[in-house]
C-alpha atoms as a PDB file:
ATOM      1  CA  UNK A   1      21.214  15.247   2.845  1.00  0.00           C
ATOM      2  CA  UNK A   2      17.798  14.068   3.960  1.00  0.00           C
ATOM      3  CA  UNK A   3      16.132  10.903   2.736  1.00  0.00           C
ATOM      4  CA  UNK A   4      15.882  11.944  -0.929  1.00  0.00           C
ATOM      5  CA  UNK A   5      12.945   9.831  -1.939  1.00  0.00           C
ATOM      6  CA  UNK A   6      12.015   9.197  -5.524  1.00  0.00           C
ATOM      7  CA  UNK A   7       8.776   7.486  -4.493  1.00  0.00           C
ATOM      8  CA  UNK A   8       9.468   4.691  -6.943  1.00  0.00           C
ATOM      9  CA  UNK A   9       8.837   6.547 -10.190  1.00  0.00           C
ATOM     10  CA  UNK A  10      10.835   8.619 -12.649  1.00  0.00           C
ATOM     11  CA  UNK A  11       8.454  11.586 -12.450  1.00  0.00           C
ATOM     12  CA  UNK A  12       9.348  12.237  -8.807  1.00  0.00           C
ATOM     13  CA  UNK A  13      12.487  14.198  -9.652  1.00  0.00           C
ATOM     14  CA  UNK A  14      14.743  16.286  -7.477  1.00  0.00           C
ATOM     15  CA  UNK A  15      13.031  19.377  -8.901  1.00  0.00           C
ATOM     16  CA  UNK A  16       9.611  18.101  -7.802  1.00  0.00           C
ATOM     17  CA  UNK A  17      10.929  17.067  -4.382  1.00  0.00           C
ATOM     18  CA  UNK A  18      12.404  20.549  -3.835  1.00  0.00           C
ATOM     19  CA  UNK A  19       9.224  22.329  -4.950  1.00  0.00           C
ATOM     20  CA  UNK A  20       7.335  24.196  -2.235  1.00  0.00           C
ATOM     21  CA  UNK A  21       3.673  23.546  -1.573  1.00  0.00           C
ATOM     22  CA  UNK A  22       1.742  25.864   0.714  1.00  0.00           C
ATOM     23  CA  UNK A  23      -1.341  25.283   2.840  1.00  0.00           C
ATOM     24  CA  UNK A  24      -2.835  27.601   5.468  1.00  0.00           C
ATOM     25  CA  UNK A  25       0.156  29.902   5.154  1.00  0.00           C
ATOM     26  CA  UNK A  26       2.731  27.140   5.778  1.00  0.00           C
ATOM     27  CA  UNK A  27       5.079  26.250   2.950  1.00  0.00           C
ATOM     28  CA  UNK A  28       7.183  23.075   2.859  1.00  0.00           C
ATOM     29  CA  UNK A  29       8.955  21.145   0.134  1.00  0.00           C
ATOM     30  CA  UNK A  30       7.310  18.042  -1.241  1.00  0.00           C
ATOM     31  CA  UNK A  31      10.206  16.047   0.220  1.00  0.00           C
ATOM     32  CA  UNK A  32       9.671  17.539   3.689  1.00  0.00           C
ATOM     33  CA  UNK A  33       5.975  16.672   3.549  1.00  0.00           C
ATOM     34  CA  UNK A  34       6.734  13.098   2.432  1.00  0.00           C
ATOM     35  CA  UNK A  35       9.360  12.680   5.160  1.00  0.00           C
ATOM     36  CA  UNK A  36       7.040  14.072   7.839  1.00  0.00           C
ATOM     37  CA  UNK A  37       4.220  11.663   6.962  1.00  0.00           C
ATOM     38  CA  UNK A  38       6.652   8.811   7.617  1.00  0.00           C
ATOM     39  CA  UNK A  39       7.321   9.995  11.203  1.00  0.00           C
ATOM     40  CA  UNK A  40       5.371   9.004  14.302  1.00  0.00           C
ATOM     41  CA  UNK A  41       3.648  12.406  14.474  1.00  0.00           C
ATOM     42  CA  UNK A  42       2.899  12.318  10.744  1.00  0.00           C
ATOM     43  CA  UNK A  43       1.167   8.944  10.848  1.00  0.00           C
ATOM     44  CA  UNK A  44       4.029   6.507  10.185  1.00  0.00           C
ATOM     45  CA  UNK A  45       2.984   6.035   6.563  1.00  0.00           C
ATOM     46  CA  UNK A  46       5.076   3.918   4.237  1.00  0.00           C
ATOM     47  CA  UNK A  47       7.086   5.852   1.675  1.00  0.00           C
ATOM     48  CA  UNK A  48       4.702   4.903  -1.131  1.00  0.00           C
ATOM     49  CA  UNK A  49       1.641   5.937   0.915  1.00  0.00           C
ATOM     50  CA  UNK A  50       3.298   9.228   1.916  1.00  0.00           C
ATOM     51  CA  UNK A  51       4.181   9.929  -1.733  1.00  0.00           C
ATOM     52  CA  UNK A  52       0.635   9.141  -2.845  1.00  0.00           C
ATOM     53  CA  UNK A  53      -0.805  11.367  -0.121  1.00  0.00           C
ATOM     54  CA  UNK A  54       1.434  14.363  -0.856  1.00  0.00           C
ATOM     55  CA  UNK A  55       1.258  13.877  -4.623  1.00  0.00           C
ATOM     56  CA  UNK A  56      -2.530  13.863  -4.612  1.00  0.00           C
ATOM     57  CA  UNK A  57      -3.042  16.568  -1.962  1.00  0.00           C
ATOM     58  CA  UNK A  58      -0.597  18.957  -3.637  1.00  0.00           C
ATOM     59  CA  UNK A  59      -1.044  17.801  -7.228  1.00  0.00           C
ATOM     60  CA  UNK A  60       0.187  21.004  -8.866  1.00  0.00           C
ATOM     61  CA  UNK A  61       3.519  21.122  -7.000  1.00  0.00           C
ATOM     62  CA  UNK A  62       4.079  17.514  -5.926  1.00  0.00           C
ATOM     63  CA  UNK A  63       1.943  15.508  -8.372  1.00  0.00           C
ATOM     64  CA  UNK A  64       5.033  13.985  -9.967  1.00  0.00           C
ATOM     65  CA  UNK A  65       5.510  11.986  -6.765  1.00  0.00           C
ATOM     66  CA  UNK A  66       2.101  10.340  -7.037  1.00  0.00           C
ATOM     67  CA  UNK A  67       3.316   7.089  -8.563  1.00  0.00           C
ATOM     68  CA  UNK A  68       0.178   5.006  -8.832  1.00  0.00           C
ATOM     69  CA  UNK A  69       1.002   1.332  -8.992  1.00  0.00           C
ATOM     70  CA  UNK A  70       4.721   1.863  -8.470  1.00  0.00           C
ATOM     71  CA  UNK A  71       4.978  -0.050  -5.195  1.00  0.00           C
ATOM     72  CA  UNK A  72       5.854  -3.559  -6.399  1.00  0.00           C
ATOM     73  CA  UNK A  73       5.248  -6.577  -4.244  1.00  0.00           C
ATOM     74  CA  UNK A  74       8.312  -6.951  -2.073  1.00  0.00           C
ATOM     75  CA  UNK A  75       8.281 -10.773  -2.099  1.00  0.00           C
ATOM     76  CA  UNK A  76       6.281 -11.974  -5.075  1.00  0.00           C
ATOM     77  CA  UNK A  77       5.010 -15.533  -5.140  1.00  0.00           C
ATOM     78  CA  UNK A  78       7.274 -17.718  -7.245  1.00  0.00           C
ATOM     79  CA  UNK A  79       4.517 -20.056  -8.388  1.00  0.00           C
ATOM     80  CA  UNK A  80       0.913 -18.932  -8.553  1.00  0.00           C
ATOM     81  CA  UNK A  81      -1.620 -20.770  -6.445  1.00  0.00           C
ATOM     82  CA  UNK A  82      -3.823 -23.385  -8.061  1.00  0.00           C
ATOM     83  CA  UNK A  83      -7.070 -22.205  -9.561  1.00  0.00           C
ATOM     84  CA  UNK A  84     -10.135 -22.637  -7.336  1.00  0.00           C
ATOM     85  CA  UNK A  85     -12.477 -25.539  -7.946  1.00  0.00           C
ATOM     86  CA  UNK A  86     -14.505 -25.062 -11.087  1.00  0.00           C
ATOM     87  CA  UNK A  87     -17.929 -25.771  -9.596  1.00  0.00           C
ATOM     88  CA  UNK A  88     -19.273 -25.438  -6.074  1.00  0.00           C
ATOM     89  CA  UNK A  89     -20.583 -28.416  -4.118  1.00  0.00           C
ATOM     90  CA  UNK A  90     -24.160 -29.180  -5.130  1.00  0.00           C
ATOM     91  CA  UNK A  91     -25.253 -30.459  -1.724  1.00  0.00           C
ATOM     92  CA  UNK A  92     -23.419 -28.686   1.072  1.00  0.00           C
ATOM     93  CA  UNK A  93     -23.681 -30.132   4.559  1.00  0.00           C
ATOM     94  CA  UNK A  94     -26.179 -28.719   6.989  1.00  0.00           C
ATOM     95  CA  UNK A  95     -24.897 -26.379   9.623  1.00  0.00           C
ATOM     96  CA  UNK A  96     -24.455 -26.948  12.485  1.00  0.00           C
ATOM     97  CA  UNK A  97     -23.765 -30.640  12.658  1.00  0.00           C
ATOM     98  CA  UNK A  98     -26.036 -32.327  15.197  1.00  0.00           C
ATOM     99  CA  UNK A  99     -23.423 -34.749  16.465  1.00  0.00           C
ATOM    100  CA  UNK A 100     -19.980 -33.234  16.002  1.00  0.00           C
ATOM    101  CA  UNK A 101     -16.949 -35.528  15.987  1.00  0.00           C
ATOM    102  CA  UNK A 102     -15.322 -35.663  19.399  1.00  0.00           C
ATOM    103  CA  UNK A 103     -11.834 -36.211  18.023  1.00  0.00           C
ATOM    104  CA  UNK A 104     -11.165 -34.590  14.667  1.00  0.00           C
ATOM    105  CA  UNK A 105      -9.649 -36.780  11.990  1.00  0.00           C
ATOM    106  CA  UNK A 106      -5.954 -36.458  11.287  1.00  0.00           C
ATOM    107  CA  UNK A 107      -6.648 -35.929   7.565  1.00  0.00           C
ATOM    108  CA  UNK A 108      -9.409 -33.345   7.149  1.00  0.00           C
ATOM    109  CA  UNK A 109     -11.345 -33.249   3.911  1.00  0.00           C
END
């Protein structure tokens, strides 16, 4: 059986994937359209992008495979980054520096 995608959401069922969508006289299943968009000739889209494309383009037949926000971050950050500084520098340096340092310091500021 082909790559039976569920596009990352419960609404992209086997019934939706096997539904036919037609355009310009050519009819293909939602699954076939999703699979094709992931090929070289189809644009090498990721599965989630292919699902979004097919689900939005053929909303009546394949809309269940449009899973907005269902592509979670593959490697989430364990600890969030520190918050940015609260206030900007009041007196930024002029640009460009007239006499740049020949050898940069080992501990930049």
